[in-house]
């Protein structure tokens, strides 16, 4: 199904996809803007309904230009995070022995005492790296807050009434 902006919705998804004709028209709008044309001139020349629609077209074109570079950067950063994750995982999986003053600490049975500090530090680092990965890919959805406008309005009115009543009783 097409909408007014030249996009269509794929059957299996929720993401709007630009038609090639729309992408070409947006690119033409960006070229005209680069030549110094106003958004009104761009709208008139390319048949956009308004200068705001021409502005939106230029924005879409700029986003389309930047998106591949941004995705390449995201992929490089993800690879770096993955490499750091592997290193931290290797630290987590190793056995670490406690020592003091350069000497190994032994238990009463003369066995080396395990030092959990490096493992705990590796766990913290792994958690931080996973958080960085989620942020990089936008996987942490913001919390949604639902507000009942009528209830909120009633509460504000009640508070204002209370304040007003208190002010009247002081006079």
N, C-alpha and C. Protein backbone atom coordinates (compact mmCIF):
# COMPACT_ATOMS: atom_id res chain seq x y z
N UNK A 1 0.85 -1.17 0.00
CA UNK A 1 0.00 0.00 0.00
C UNK A 1 0.90 1.23 0.00
N UNK A 2 0.64 2.15 -0.92
CA UNK A 2 1.42 3.37 -1.00
C UNK A 2 0.82 4.44 -0.11
N UNK A 3 1.67 5.28 0.44
CA UNK A 3 1.16 6.43 1.17
C UNK A 3 1.47 7.67 0.35
N UNK A 4 1.19 8.85 0.88
CA UNK A 4 1.36 10.08 0.13
C UNK A 4 2.82 10.47 -0.08
N UNK A 5 3.73 9.90 0.69
CA UNK A 5 5.13 10.29 0.59
C UNK A 5 5.94 9.34 -0.27
N UNK A 6 5.30 8.42 -0.96
CA UNK A 6 6.02 7.55 -1.88
C UNK A 6 6.67 6.37 -1.21
N UNK A 7 6.15 5.94 -0.09
CA UNK A 7 6.68 4.78 0.61
C UNK A 7 5.67 3.65 0.50
N UNK A 8 6.12 2.45 0.67
CA UNK A 8 5.18 1.34 0.77
C UNK A 8 5.60 0.46 1.92
N UNK A 9 4.63 -0.21 2.50
CA UNK A 9 4.86 -1.07 3.65
C UNK A 9 5.07 -2.50 3.15
N UNK A 10 6.20 -3.11 3.49
CA UNK A 10 6.40 -4.51 3.10
C UNK A 10 5.41 -5.40 3.84
N UNK A 11 5.08 -6.53 3.25
CA UNK A 11 4.08 -7.41 3.85
C UNK A 11 4.47 -7.93 5.21
N UNK A 12 5.72 -8.32 5.39
CA UNK A 12 6.11 -9.00 6.63
C UNK A 12 6.64 -8.06 7.70
N UNK A 13 6.75 -6.77 7.43
CA UNK A 13 7.39 -5.91 8.42
C UNK A 13 6.61 -4.65 8.70
N UNK A 14 7.22 -3.82 9.54
CA UNK A 14 6.59 -2.58 9.94
C UNK A 14 7.37 -1.37 9.46
N UNK A 15 8.49 -1.59 8.80
CA UNK A 15 9.36 -0.50 8.39
C UNK A 15 8.94 0.03 7.02
N UNK A 16 8.88 1.34 6.89
CA UNK A 16 8.54 1.93 5.61
C UNK A 16 9.75 1.85 4.69
N UNK A 17 9.52 1.51 3.44
CA UNK A 17 10.58 1.39 2.45
C UNK A 17 10.35 2.42 1.36
N UNK A 18 11.38 3.13 0.99
CA UNK A 18 11.25 4.16 -0.05
C UNK A 18 11.26 3.51 -1.43
N UNK A 19 10.42 4.01 -2.30
CA UNK A 19 10.42 3.56 -3.69
C UNK A 19 11.61 4.22 -4.39
N UNK A 20 12.15 3.57 -5.42
CA UNK A 20 13.30 4.17 -6.14
C UNK A 20 12.98 5.56 -6.70
N UNK A 21 11.75 5.76 -7.19
CA UNK A 21 11.38 7.08 -7.74
C UNK A 21 11.45 8.15 -6.65
N UNK A 22 11.02 7.80 -5.46
CA UNK A 22 11.04 8.75 -4.36
C UNK A 22 12.48 9.07 -3.97
N UNK A 23 13.33 8.06 -3.93
CA UNK A 23 14.74 8.27 -3.58
C UNK A 23 15.41 9.16 -4.61
N UNK A 24 15.11 8.96 -5.88
CA UNK A 24 15.70 9.79 -6.93
C UNK A 24 15.21 11.23 -6.81
N UNK A 25 13.94 11.42 -6.51
CA UNK A 25 13.38 12.76 -6.36
C UNK A 25 13.99 13.46 -5.14
N UNK A 26 14.17 12.70 -4.05
CA UNK A 26 14.81 13.27 -2.86
C UNK A 26 16.24 13.67 -3.16
N UNK A 27 16.95 12.84 -3.93
CA UNK A 27 18.33 13.16 -4.30
C UNK A 27 18.38 14.42 -5.16
N UNK A 28 17.41 14.57 -6.07
CA UNK A 28 17.34 15.78 -6.89
C UNK A 28 17.10 17.00 -6.01
N UNK A 29 16.25 16.85 -5.00
CA UNK A 29 16.00 17.96 -4.07
C UNK A 29 17.29 18.35 -3.34
N UNK A 30 18.06 17.37 -2.93
CA UNK A 30 19.33 17.65 -2.24
C UNK A 30 20.31 18.35 -3.18
N UNK A 31 20.36 17.92 -4.44
CA UNK A 31 21.25 18.57 -5.41
C UNK A 31 20.85 20.03 -5.61
N UNK A 32 19.54 20.26 -5.74
CA UNK A 32 19.07 21.63 -5.92
C UNK A 32 19.39 22.49 -4.69
N UNK A 33 19.27 21.92 -3.52
CA UNK A 33 19.60 22.65 -2.29
C UNK A 33 21.09 22.98 -2.27
N UNK A 34 21.91 22.02 -2.70
CA UNK A 34 23.36 22.25 -2.75
C UNK A 34 23.71 23.36 -3.74
N UNK A 35 22.87 23.53 -4.77
CA UNK A 35 23.08 24.61 -5.74
C UNK A 35 22.62 25.97 -5.21
N UNK A 36 22.03 25.98 -4.00
CA UNK A 36 21.62 27.23 -3.39
C UNK A 36 20.16 27.57 -3.56
N UNK A 37 19.36 26.65 -4.10
CA UNK A 37 17.94 26.91 -4.29
C UNK A 37 17.23 26.91 -2.93
N UNK A 38 16.17 27.71 -2.82
CA UNK A 38 15.37 27.72 -1.60
C UNK A 38 14.44 26.52 -1.61
N UNK A 39 13.89 26.21 -0.45
CA UNK A 39 12.97 25.08 -0.38
C UNK A 39 11.71 25.36 -1.21
N UNK A 40 11.29 26.62 -1.28
CA UNK A 40 10.14 26.98 -2.12
C UNK A 40 10.47 26.69 -3.58
N UNK A 41 11.68 27.09 -4.04
CA UNK A 41 12.08 26.84 -5.42
C UNK A 41 12.16 25.34 -5.70
N UNK A 42 12.69 24.59 -4.74
CA UNK A 42 12.79 23.13 -4.90
C UNK A 42 11.39 22.53 -5.01
N UNK A 43 10.49 22.98 -4.14
CA UNK A 43 9.12 22.46 -4.17
C UNK A 43 8.47 22.75 -5.51
N UNK A 44 8.64 23.96 -6.01
CA UNK A 44 8.04 24.33 -7.29
C UNK A 44 8.64 23.52 -8.44
N UNK A 45 9.95 23.37 -8.44
CA UNK A 45 10.63 22.69 -9.55
C UNK A 45 10.33 21.18 -9.57
N UNK A 46 10.25 20.57 -8.38
CA UNK A 46 10.07 19.12 -8.33
C UNK A 46 8.64 18.69 -8.04
N UNK A 47 7.77 19.68 -7.84
CA UNK A 47 6.36 19.34 -7.64
C UNK A 47 5.99 18.90 -6.24
N UNK A 48 6.76 19.33 -5.24
CA UNK A 48 6.38 19.04 -3.86
C UNK A 48 5.23 19.96 -3.46
N UNK A 49 4.39 19.50 -2.56
CA UNK A 49 3.20 20.25 -2.16
C UNK A 49 3.53 21.53 -1.40
N UNK A 50 4.69 21.56 -0.73
CA UNK A 50 5.04 22.73 0.07
C UNK A 50 6.55 22.79 0.23
N UNK A 51 7.02 23.93 0.75
CA UNK A 51 8.45 24.02 1.02
C UNK A 51 8.84 23.08 2.15
N UNK A 52 7.91 22.80 3.07
CA UNK A 52 8.17 21.83 4.14
C UNK A 52 8.38 20.43 3.58
N UNK A 53 7.62 20.07 2.55
CA UNK A 53 7.79 18.75 1.92
C UNK A 53 9.15 18.68 1.22
N UNK A 54 9.57 19.80 0.62
CA UNK A 54 10.90 19.84 -0.01
C UNK A 54 11.99 19.70 1.04
N UNK A 55 11.80 20.37 2.18
CA UNK A 55 12.75 20.27 3.29
C UNK A 55 12.86 18.82 3.76
N UNK A 56 11.72 18.15 3.91
CA UNK A 56 11.71 16.74 4.33
C UNK A 56 12.45 15.87 3.31
N UNK A 57 12.27 16.16 2.02
CA UNK A 57 12.92 15.38 0.97
C UNK A 57 14.45 15.51 1.07
N UNK A 58 14.91 16.75 1.29
CA UNK A 58 16.36 16.96 1.44
C UNK A 58 16.87 16.20 2.66
N UNK A 59 16.11 16.23 3.75
CA UNK A 59 16.50 15.50 4.96
C UNK A 59 16.59 14.00 4.71
N UNK A 60 15.62 13.46 3.98
CA UNK A 60 15.65 12.02 3.67
C UNK A 60 16.87 11.69 2.83
N UNK A 61 17.18 12.55 1.86
CA UNK A 61 18.34 12.32 1.00
C UNK A 61 19.63 12.35 1.81
N UNK A 62 19.74 13.32 2.71
CA UNK A 62 20.94 13.40 3.55
C UNK A 62 21.07 12.17 4.44
N UNK A 63 19.96 11.72 4.99
CA UNK A 63 19.98 10.53 5.84
C UNK A 63 20.41 9.31 5.02
N UNK A 64 19.93 9.20 3.80
CA UNK A 64 20.29 8.07 2.94
C UNK A 64 21.77 8.08 2.60
N UNK A 65 22.34 9.29 2.48
CA UNK A 65 23.77 9.41 2.19
C UNK A 65 24.60 9.00 3.41
N UNK A 66 24.19 9.44 4.58
CA UNK A 66 24.94 9.21 5.81
C UNK A 66 24.76 7.78 6.33
N UNK A 67 23.60 7.19 6.10
CA UNK A 67 23.29 5.88 6.68
C UNK A 67 24.33 4.80 6.39
N UNK A 68 24.80 4.64 5.14
CA UNK A 68 25.81 3.58 4.91
C UNK A 68 27.10 3.80 5.68
N UNK A 69 27.56 5.07 5.76
CA UNK A 69 28.78 5.36 6.53
C UNK A 69 28.56 5.10 8.00
N UNK A 70 27.39 5.48 8.51
CA UNK A 70 27.08 5.25 9.92
C UNK A 70 27.02 3.75 10.20
N UNK A 71 26.46 2.98 9.28
CA UNK A 71 26.38 1.53 9.48
C UNK A 71 27.77 0.90 9.45
N UNK A 72 28.65 1.40 8.58
CA UNK A 72 30.02 0.89 8.54
C UNK A 72 30.74 1.18 9.85
N UNK A 73 30.56 2.39 10.39
CA UNK A 73 31.16 2.74 11.67
C UNK A 73 30.59 1.85 12.78
N UNK A 74 29.30 1.65 12.76
CA UNK A 74 28.66 0.79 13.77
C UNK A 74 29.24 -0.63 13.69
N UNK A 75 29.46 -1.14 12.49
CA UNK A 75 30.02 -2.48 12.32
C UNK A 75 31.45 -2.55 12.86
N UNK A 76 32.26 -1.49 12.59
CA UNK A 76 33.64 -1.47 13.11
C UNK A 76 33.64 -1.44 14.63
N UNK A 77 32.78 -0.59 15.21
CA UNK A 77 32.71 -0.51 16.67
C UNK A 77 32.23 -1.82 17.27
N UNK A 78 31.28 -2.47 16.62
CA UNK A 78 30.79 -3.76 17.11
C UNK A 78 31.91 -4.79 17.08
N UNK A 79 32.74 -4.77 16.05
CA UNK A 79 33.86 -5.72 15.96
C UNK A 79 34.86 -5.45 17.09
N UNK A 80 35.10 -4.18 17.40
CA UNK A 80 36.01 -3.84 18.50
C UNK A 80 35.44 -4.32 19.84
N UNK A 81 34.15 -4.09 20.04
CA UNK A 81 33.51 -4.55 21.27
C UNK A 81 33.58 -6.07 21.36
N UNK A 82 33.36 -6.75 20.25
CA UNK A 82 33.43 -8.22 20.24
C UNK A 82 34.82 -8.71 20.63
N UNK A 83 35.86 -8.04 20.12
CA UNK A 83 37.23 -8.43 20.44
C UNK A 83 37.51 -8.22 21.93
N UNK A 84 37.07 -7.11 22.47
CA UNK A 84 37.25 -6.85 23.90
C UNK A 84 36.46 -7.86 24.74
N UNK A 85 35.30 -8.22 24.26
CA UNK A 85 34.46 -9.21 24.96
C UNK A 85 35.19 -10.55 25.03
N UNK A 86 35.79 -10.95 23.93
CA UNK A 86 36.54 -12.22 23.90
C UNK A 86 37.71 -12.19 24.90
N UNK A 87 38.41 -11.05 24.97
CA UNK A 87 39.52 -10.93 25.92
C UNK A 87 39.02 -11.02 27.35
N UNK A 88 37.94 -10.32 27.66
CA UNK A 88 37.40 -10.35 29.02
C UNK A 88 36.89 -11.75 29.36
N UNK A 89 36.32 -12.43 28.38
CA UNK A 89 35.84 -13.80 28.59
C UNK A 89 37.00 -14.74 28.89
N UNK A 90 38.12 -14.53 28.22
CA UNK A 90 39.31 -15.36 28.48
C UNK A 90 39.80 -15.15 29.91
N UNK A 91 39.77 -13.89 30.40
CA UNK A 91 40.16 -13.61 31.79
C UNK A 91 39.20 -14.32 32.74
N UNK A 92 37.92 -14.26 32.44
CA UNK A 92 36.91 -14.90 33.28
C UNK A 92 37.15 -16.41 33.38
N UNK A 93 37.54 -17.02 32.29
CA UNK A 93 37.68 -18.48 32.24
C UNK A 93 38.98 -18.99 32.84
N UNK A 94 39.97 -18.11 33.04
CA UNK A 94 41.25 -18.54 33.63
C UNK A 94 41.13 -18.68 35.13
N UNK A 95 42.01 -19.48 35.69
CA UNK A 95 42.11 -19.61 37.14
C UNK A 95 43.11 -18.58 37.64
N UNK A 96 42.72 -17.83 38.65
CA UNK A 96 43.58 -16.80 39.22
C UNK A 96 43.87 -17.17 40.68
N UNK A 97 45.14 -17.13 41.02
CA UNK A 97 45.54 -17.48 42.38
C UNK A 97 45.88 -16.22 43.16
N UNK A 98 45.54 -16.25 44.43
CA UNK A 98 45.83 -15.12 45.32
C UNK A 98 47.32 -15.06 45.61
N UNK A 99 47.82 -13.85 45.72
CA UNK A 99 49.24 -13.68 46.06
C UNK A 99 49.39 -12.41 46.88
N UNK A 100 50.47 -12.34 47.60
CA UNK A 100 50.76 -11.18 48.43
C UNK A 100 52.26 -11.00 48.47
N UNK A 101 52.68 -9.80 48.18
CA UNK A 101 54.12 -9.51 48.21
C UNK A 101 54.90 -10.38 47.23
N UNK A 102 54.29 -10.72 46.12
CA UNK A 102 54.96 -11.53 45.12
C UNK A 102 54.97 -13.01 45.43
N UNK A 103 54.31 -13.40 46.51
CA UNK A 103 54.30 -14.83 46.90
C UNK A 103 52.88 -15.37 46.81
N UNK A 104 52.77 -16.58 46.38
CA UNK A 104 51.50 -17.28 46.27
C UNK A 104 50.95 -17.57 47.67
N UNK A 105 49.65 -17.34 47.86
CA UNK A 105 49.03 -17.63 49.15
C UNK A 105 48.48 -19.05 49.11
N UNK A 106 48.80 -19.80 50.13
CA UNK A 106 48.36 -21.20 50.20
C UNK A 106 47.36 -21.38 51.33
N UNK A 107 46.46 -22.33 51.14
CA UNK A 107 45.49 -22.64 52.20
C UNK A 107 46.16 -23.60 53.20
N UNK A 108 45.46 -23.99 54.28
CA UNK A 108 46.06 -24.88 55.28
C UNK A 108 46.52 -26.23 54.71
N UNK A 109 45.93 -26.64 53.57
CA UNK A 109 46.35 -27.91 52.95
C UNK A 109 47.47 -27.69 51.94
N UNK A 110 48.08 -26.50 51.96
CA UNK A 110 49.18 -26.15 51.07
C UNK A 110 48.75 -26.07 49.59
N UNK A 111 47.45 -25.80 49.36
CA UNK A 111 46.94 -25.60 48.00
C UNK A 111 46.81 -24.10 47.74
N UNK A 112 47.05 -23.66 46.48
CA UNK A 112 46.92 -22.23 46.19
C UNK A 112 45.48 -21.75 46.40
N UNK A 113 45.35 -20.56 46.98
CA UNK A 113 44.04 -19.97 47.22
C UNK A 113 43.58 -19.28 45.93
N UNK A 114 42.35 -19.55 45.55
CA UNK A 114 41.77 -18.95 44.34
C UNK A 114 41.43 -17.49 44.64
N UNK A 115 41.79 -16.59 43.71
CA UNK A 115 41.49 -15.17 43.83
C UNK A 115 40.31 -14.87 42.90
N UNK A 116 39.16 -14.53 43.48
CA UNK A 116 37.96 -14.25 42.69
C UNK A 116 37.94 -12.82 42.15
N UNK A 117 38.83 -11.96 42.61
CA UNK A 117 38.85 -10.56 42.17
C UNK A 117 38.94 -10.39 40.66
N UNK A 118 39.91 -11.03 39.99
CA UNK A 118 39.99 -10.87 38.53
C UNK A 118 38.75 -11.40 37.80
N UNK A 119 38.17 -12.48 38.32
CA UNK A 119 36.94 -13.01 37.67
C UNK A 119 35.79 -12.02 37.83
N UNK A 120 35.65 -11.45 39.04
CA UNK A 120 34.58 -10.47 39.25
C UNK A 120 34.79 -9.23 38.38
N UNK A 121 36.05 -8.80 38.25
CA UNK A 121 36.35 -7.65 37.38
C UNK A 121 36.01 -7.98 35.93
N UNK A 122 36.30 -9.20 35.50
CA UNK A 122 35.98 -9.62 34.13
C UNK A 122 34.47 -9.65 33.92
N UNK A 123 33.73 -10.10 34.92
CA UNK A 123 32.26 -10.12 34.83
C UNK A 123 31.73 -8.70 34.67
N UNK A 124 32.26 -7.77 35.48
CA UNK A 124 31.83 -6.37 35.35
C UNK A 124 32.14 -5.83 33.96
N UNK A 125 33.33 -6.15 33.47
CA UNK A 125 33.72 -5.67 32.14
C UNK A 125 32.84 -6.28 31.05
N UNK A 126 32.53 -7.55 31.16
CA UNK A 126 31.63 -8.19 30.20
C UNK A 126 30.26 -7.52 30.21
N UNK A 127 29.77 -7.22 31.40
CA UNK A 127 28.48 -6.54 31.52
C UNK A 127 28.54 -5.16 30.86
N UNK A 128 29.62 -4.41 31.10
CA UNK A 128 29.78 -3.08 30.49
C UNK A 128 29.88 -3.17 28.97
N UNK A 129 30.58 -4.17 28.47
CA UNK A 129 30.70 -4.34 27.03
C UNK A 129 29.36 -4.68 26.40
N UNK A 130 28.58 -5.51 27.07
CA UNK A 130 27.24 -5.84 26.55
C UNK A 130 26.36 -4.59 26.53
N UNK A 131 26.49 -3.75 27.55
CA UNK A 131 25.73 -2.50 27.58
C UNK A 131 26.15 -1.60 26.43
N UNK A 132 27.44 -1.53 26.16
CA UNK A 132 27.93 -0.72 25.04
C UNK A 132 27.39 -1.26 23.72
N UNK A 133 27.35 -2.56 23.59
CA UNK A 133 26.83 -3.20 22.37
C UNK A 133 25.35 -2.87 22.19
N UNK A 134 24.58 -2.96 23.29
CA UNK A 134 23.15 -2.66 23.21
C UNK A 134 22.93 -1.20 22.83
N UNK A 135 23.71 -0.29 23.38
CA UNK A 135 23.58 1.12 23.05
C UNK A 135 23.94 1.37 21.58
N UNK A 136 25.02 0.72 21.13
CA UNK A 136 25.49 0.89 19.76
C UNK A 136 24.41 0.50 18.76
N UNK A 137 23.69 -0.55 19.08
CA UNK A 137 22.65 -1.06 18.17
C UNK A 137 21.25 -0.62 18.55
N UNK A 138 21.13 0.24 19.56
CA UNK A 138 19.81 0.76 19.94
C UNK A 138 18.86 -0.30 20.45
N UNK A 139 19.38 -1.28 21.16
CA UNK A 139 18.55 -2.38 21.62
C UNK A 139 17.82 -2.09 22.92
N UNK A 140 18.23 -1.06 23.63
CA UNK A 140 17.56 -0.70 24.88
C UNK A 140 16.43 0.26 24.57
N UNK A 141 15.22 -0.24 24.55
CA UNK A 141 14.07 0.60 24.25
C UNK A 141 13.78 1.50 25.43
N UNK A 142 13.43 2.75 25.14
CA UNK A 142 13.08 3.64 26.24
C UNK A 142 11.81 3.16 26.93
N UNK A 143 11.73 3.44 28.21
CA UNK A 143 10.54 3.05 28.97
C UNK A 143 9.36 3.89 28.51
N UNK A 144 8.22 3.26 28.35
CA UNK A 144 7.01 3.98 27.96
C UNK A 144 6.23 4.36 29.20
N UNK A 145 5.74 5.56 29.19
CA UNK A 145 4.94 6.05 30.31
C UNK A 145 3.57 6.40 29.76
N UNK A 146 2.55 5.88 30.40
CA UNK A 146 1.19 6.18 29.98
C UNK A 146 0.59 7.21 30.93
N UNK A 147 0.03 8.25 30.34
CA UNK A 147 -0.55 9.32 31.15
C UNK A 147 -2.01 9.46 30.78
N UNK A 148 -2.86 9.46 31.78
CA UNK A 148 -4.28 9.72 31.59
C UNK A 148 -4.46 11.22 31.72
N UNK A 149 -4.68 11.89 30.58
CA UNK A 149 -4.74 13.36 30.57
C UNK A 149 -5.87 13.89 31.45
N UNK A 150 -7.02 13.23 31.42
CA UNK A 150 -8.14 13.70 32.24
C UNK A 150 -7.81 13.61 33.72
N UNK A 151 -7.24 12.47 34.12
CA UNK A 151 -6.88 12.29 35.53
C UNK A 151 -5.83 13.30 35.95
N UNK A 152 -4.82 13.50 35.09
CA UNK A 152 -3.77 14.46 35.39
C UNK A 152 -4.35 15.87 35.52
N UNK A 153 -5.26 16.22 34.60
CA UNK A 153 -5.90 17.53 34.66
C UNK A 153 -6.70 17.71 35.95
N UNK A 154 -7.41 16.65 36.35
CA UNK A 154 -8.20 16.71 37.59
C UNK A 154 -7.28 16.88 38.80
N UNK A 155 -6.14 16.19 38.81
CA UNK A 155 -5.20 16.32 39.92
C UNK A 155 -4.61 17.72 39.99
N UNK A 156 -4.27 18.27 38.83
CA UNK A 156 -3.72 19.64 38.80
C UNK A 156 -4.77 20.63 39.29
N UNK A 157 -6.01 20.47 38.82
CA UNK A 157 -7.10 21.35 39.26
C UNK A 157 -7.29 21.25 40.76
N UNK A 158 -7.26 20.03 41.30
CA UNK A 158 -7.39 19.84 42.74
C UNK A 158 -6.28 20.53 43.51
N UNK A 159 -5.06 20.42 43.02
CA UNK A 159 -3.94 21.09 43.68
C UNK A 159 -4.09 22.61 43.62
N UNK A 160 -4.50 23.11 42.47
CA UNK A 160 -4.70 24.56 42.34
C UNK A 160 -5.81 25.03 43.26
N UNK A 161 -6.88 24.24 43.35
CA UNK A 161 -7.98 24.60 44.26
C UNK A 161 -7.50 24.63 45.70
N UNK A 162 -6.67 23.66 46.08
CA UNK A 162 -6.13 23.62 47.44
C UNK A 162 -5.26 24.83 47.71
N UNK A 163 -4.42 25.17 46.76
CA UNK A 163 -3.54 26.32 46.94
C UNK A 163 -4.37 27.59 47.05
N UNK A 164 -5.36 27.72 46.18
CA UNK A 164 -6.22 28.91 46.19
C UNK A 164 -6.99 28.99 47.50
N UNK A 165 -7.53 27.86 47.97
CA UNK A 165 -8.29 27.84 49.22
C UNK A 165 -7.40 28.23 50.40
N UNK A 166 -6.14 27.73 50.40
CA UNK A 166 -5.21 28.07 51.48
C UNK A 166 -4.89 29.57 51.45
N UNK A 167 -4.76 30.13 50.25
CA UNK A 167 -4.46 31.55 50.12
C UNK A 167 -5.63 32.41 50.58
N UNK A 168 -6.86 31.93 50.31
CA UNK A 168 -8.05 32.69 50.73
C UNK A 168 -8.20 32.67 52.24
N UNK A 169 -7.86 31.57 52.90
CA UNK A 169 -8.03 31.48 54.34
C UNK A 169 -7.01 32.32 55.09
N UNK A 170 -5.87 32.65 54.45
CA UNK A 170 -4.86 33.47 55.09
C UNK A 170 -5.24 34.94 55.10
N UNK A 171 -6.14 35.38 54.22
CA UNK A 171 -6.45 36.80 54.13
C UNK A 171 -7.33 37.29 55.22
